[in-house]
């Protein structure tokens, strides 16, 4: 059960970090006018995709941990 909590914490932290990094990349690219337009959307959708991927991975790891602890 302790391993399950650690996996959940790591997944939450990873999701927040991924969201922040990708959103930051999009925002920095958006602020620079010499970059092509649309980079903010790329960063926003990238951050949402990364957050969803970390969420799916966290759920899968929790499922594996529960299955191994039974």
N, C-alpha and C. Protein backbone atom coordinates (compact mmCIF):
# COMPACT_ATOMS: atom_id res chain seq x y z
N UNK A 1 0.83 -1.20 0.00
CA UNK A 1 0.00 0.00 0.00
C UNK A 1 0.87 1.26 0.00
N UNK A 2 1.99 1.18 0.66
CA UNK A 2 2.88 2.34 0.69
C UNK A 2 3.43 2.63 -0.70
N UNK A 3 3.75 1.57 -1.44
CA UNK A 3 4.24 1.74 -2.81
C UNK A 3 3.17 2.37 -3.67
N UNK A 4 1.93 2.03 -3.42
CA UNK A 4 0.80 2.59 -4.16
C UNK A 4 0.71 4.10 -3.94
N UNK A 5 0.88 4.53 -2.71
CA UNK A 5 0.84 5.96 -2.40
C UNK A 5 2.00 6.68 -3.07
N UNK A 6 3.19 6.07 -3.05
CA UNK A 6 4.35 6.68 -3.71
C UNK A 6 4.12 6.83 -5.22
N UNK A 7 3.53 5.81 -5.83
CA UNK A 7 3.24 5.87 -7.26
C UNK A 7 2.24 7.00 -7.54
N UNK A 8 1.23 7.11 -6.70
CA UNK A 8 0.23 8.16 -6.91
C UNK A 8 0.85 9.55 -6.76
N UNK A 9 1.70 9.73 -5.76
CA UNK A 9 2.37 11.02 -5.58
C UNK A 9 3.26 11.34 -6.77
N UNK A 10 4.04 10.38 -7.22
CA UNK A 10 4.93 10.60 -8.36
C UNK A 10 4.13 10.93 -9.61
N UNK A 11 3.00 10.27 -9.80
CA UNK A 11 2.16 10.56 -10.96
C UNK A 11 1.59 11.96 -10.92
N UNK A 12 1.14 12.38 -9.74
CA UNK A 12 0.59 13.74 -9.60
C UNK A 12 1.67 14.79 -9.84
N UNK A 13 2.83 14.58 -9.25
CA UNK A 13 3.93 15.54 -9.42
C UNK A 13 4.37 15.56 -10.89
N UNK A 14 4.46 14.40 -11.51
CA UNK A 14 4.84 14.33 -12.92
C UNK A 14 3.84 15.03 -13.82
N UNK A 15 2.56 14.89 -13.51
CA UNK A 15 1.53 15.55 -14.30
C UNK A 15 1.65 17.06 -14.19
N UNK A 16 1.85 17.56 -12.98
CA UNK A 16 1.97 19.01 -12.79
C UNK A 16 3.22 19.54 -13.49
N UNK A 17 4.33 18.81 -13.37
CA UNK A 17 5.58 19.25 -14.02
C UNK A 17 5.43 19.26 -15.53
N UNK A 18 4.85 18.19 -16.07
CA UNK A 18 4.68 18.12 -17.53
C UNK A 18 3.76 19.23 -18.03
N UNK A 19 2.67 19.48 -17.31
CA UNK A 19 1.75 20.54 -17.70
C UNK A 19 2.46 21.89 -17.68
N UNK A 20 3.21 22.15 -16.61
CA UNK A 20 3.89 23.44 -16.47
C UNK A 20 4.96 23.63 -17.54
N UNK A 21 5.73 22.59 -17.81
CA UNK A 21 6.82 22.70 -18.79
C UNK A 21 6.26 22.96 -20.18
N UNK A 22 5.28 22.16 -20.61
CA UNK A 22 4.76 22.34 -21.95
C UNK A 22 4.01 23.66 -22.10
N UNK A 23 3.28 24.05 -21.07
CA UNK A 23 2.58 25.33 -21.13
C UNK A 23 3.58 26.48 -21.13
N UNK A 24 4.66 26.34 -20.37
CA UNK A 24 5.71 27.36 -20.38
C UNK A 24 6.38 27.48 -21.73
N UNK A 25 6.65 26.35 -22.37
CA UNK A 25 7.24 26.38 -23.71
C UNK A 25 6.31 27.11 -24.68
N UNK A 26 5.04 26.80 -24.62
CA UNK A 26 4.08 27.46 -25.50
C UNK A 26 3.99 28.95 -25.22
N UNK A 27 4.03 29.33 -23.94
CA UNK A 27 3.90 30.74 -23.59
C UNK A 27 5.14 31.52 -24.01
N UNK A 28 6.33 30.94 -23.80
CA UNK A 28 7.57 31.61 -24.21
C UNK A 28 7.60 31.78 -25.72
N UNK A 29 7.20 30.76 -26.44
CA UNK A 29 7.17 30.87 -27.90
C UNK A 29 6.13 31.89 -28.34
N UNK A 30 5.04 32.00 -27.60
CA UNK A 30 3.99 32.96 -27.94
C UNK A 30 4.47 34.40 -27.72
N UNK A 31 5.31 34.61 -26.71
CA UNK A 31 5.80 35.96 -26.42
C UNK A 31 6.79 36.45 -27.46
N UNK A 32 7.54 35.55 -28.07
CA UNK A 32 8.50 35.94 -29.10
C UNK A 32 7.75 36.08 -30.42
N UNK A 33 7.71 37.29 -30.93
CA UNK A 33 6.92 37.54 -32.13
C UNK A 33 7.56 36.98 -33.39
N UNK A 34 8.87 36.69 -33.36
CA UNK A 34 9.51 36.17 -34.57
C UNK A 34 9.22 34.69 -34.78
N UNK A 35 8.66 34.02 -33.76
CA UNK A 35 8.27 32.63 -33.95
C UNK A 35 6.98 32.57 -34.75
N UNK A 36 6.76 31.50 -35.49
CA UNK A 36 5.50 31.40 -36.23
C UNK A 36 4.31 31.37 -35.28
N UNK A 37 3.18 31.89 -35.69
CA UNK A 37 2.00 31.85 -34.81
C UNK A 37 1.51 30.42 -34.61
N UNK A 38 0.86 30.22 -33.51
CA UNK A 38 0.32 28.90 -33.22
C UNK A 38 1.13 28.11 -32.20
N UNK A 39 2.27 28.66 -31.76
CA UNK A 39 3.08 27.91 -30.80
C UNK A 39 2.42 27.82 -29.44
N UNK A 40 1.61 28.84 -29.10
CA UNK A 40 0.91 28.77 -27.82
C UNK A 40 -0.08 27.60 -27.82
N UNK A 41 -0.76 27.41 -28.94
CA UNK A 41 -1.68 26.26 -29.04
C UNK A 41 -0.92 24.95 -28.98
N UNK A 42 0.26 24.92 -29.60
CA UNK A 42 1.08 23.70 -29.55
C UNK A 42 1.46 23.39 -28.10
N UNK A 43 1.87 24.44 -27.37
CA UNK A 43 2.23 24.22 -25.98
C UNK A 43 1.04 23.82 -25.13
N UNK A 44 -0.10 24.44 -25.40
CA UNK A 44 -1.30 24.12 -24.62
C UNK A 44 -1.76 22.69 -24.87
N UNK A 45 -1.83 22.28 -26.14
CA UNK A 45 -2.26 20.91 -26.43
C UNK A 45 -1.19 19.90 -26.01
N UNK A 46 0.07 20.30 -26.12
CA UNK A 46 1.14 19.42 -25.63
C UNK A 46 1.05 19.21 -24.14
N UNK A 47 0.74 20.28 -23.41
CA UNK A 47 0.63 20.15 -21.96
C UNK A 47 -0.57 19.28 -21.58
N UNK A 48 -1.68 19.44 -22.29
CA UNK A 48 -2.85 18.60 -22.00
C UNK A 48 -2.56 17.14 -22.33
N UNK A 49 -1.88 16.90 -23.45
CA UNK A 49 -1.55 15.53 -23.82
C UNK A 49 -0.59 14.90 -22.81
N UNK A 50 0.43 15.68 -22.40
CA UNK A 50 1.39 15.16 -21.42
C UNK A 50 0.72 14.87 -20.09
N UNK A 51 -0.18 15.76 -19.67
CA UNK A 51 -0.89 15.53 -18.41
C UNK A 51 -1.75 14.28 -18.50
N UNK A 52 -2.44 14.10 -19.64
CA UNK A 52 -3.28 12.91 -19.82
C UNK A 52 -2.42 11.64 -19.85
N UNK A 53 -1.25 11.72 -20.50
CA UNK A 53 -0.37 10.55 -20.57
C UNK A 53 0.14 10.18 -19.18
N UNK A 54 0.52 11.18 -18.38
CA UNK A 54 0.96 10.89 -17.01
C UNK A 54 -0.19 10.33 -16.18
N UNK A 55 -1.40 10.83 -16.40
CA UNK A 55 -2.56 10.31 -15.66
C UNK A 55 -2.81 8.85 -16.01
N UNK A 56 -2.77 8.52 -17.28
CA UNK A 56 -2.98 7.13 -17.71
C UNK A 56 -1.88 6.23 -17.15
N UNK A 57 -0.63 6.72 -17.19
CA UNK A 57 0.48 5.91 -16.65
C UNK A 57 0.32 5.71 -15.15
N UNK A 58 -0.13 6.75 -14.45
CA UNK A 58 -0.33 6.63 -13.00
C UNK A 58 -1.42 5.62 -12.68
N UNK A 59 -2.53 5.69 -13.40
CA UNK A 59 -3.62 4.73 -13.18
C UNK A 59 -3.13 3.31 -13.48
N UNK A 60 -2.36 3.15 -14.54
CA UNK A 60 -1.84 1.82 -14.87
C UNK A 60 -0.90 1.30 -13.79
N UNK A 61 -0.02 2.17 -13.29
CA UNK A 61 0.91 1.73 -12.23
C UNK A 61 0.17 1.41 -10.94
N UNK A 62 -0.87 2.17 -10.62
CA UNK A 62 -1.67 1.87 -9.43
C UNK A 62 -2.36 0.52 -9.61
N UNK A 63 -2.89 0.28 -10.80
CA UNK A 63 -3.52 -1.01 -11.08
C UNK A 63 -2.54 -2.17 -10.95
N UNK A 64 -1.33 -1.98 -11.46
CA UNK A 64 -0.30 -3.03 -11.34
C UNK A 64 0.07 -3.26 -9.88
N UNK A 65 0.21 -2.16 -9.12
CA UNK A 65 0.57 -2.30 -7.71
C UNK A 65 -0.54 -3.00 -6.93
N UNK A 66 -1.79 -2.66 -7.22
CA UNK A 66 -2.91 -3.34 -6.55
C UNK A 66 -2.95 -4.81 -6.93
N UNK A 67 -2.70 -5.12 -8.20
CA UNK A 67 -2.75 -6.50 -8.65
C UNK A 67 -1.63 -7.32 -8.00
N UNK A 68 -0.45 -6.71 -7.81
CA UNK A 68 0.66 -7.45 -7.20
C UNK A 68 0.50 -7.60 -5.70
N UNK A 69 -0.26 -6.70 -5.06
CA UNK A 69 -0.44 -6.76 -3.60
C UNK A 69 -1.58 -7.68 -3.18
N UNK A 70 -2.32 -8.21 -4.12
CA UNK A 70 -3.49 -9.03 -3.73
C UNK A 70 -3.08 -10.38 -3.20
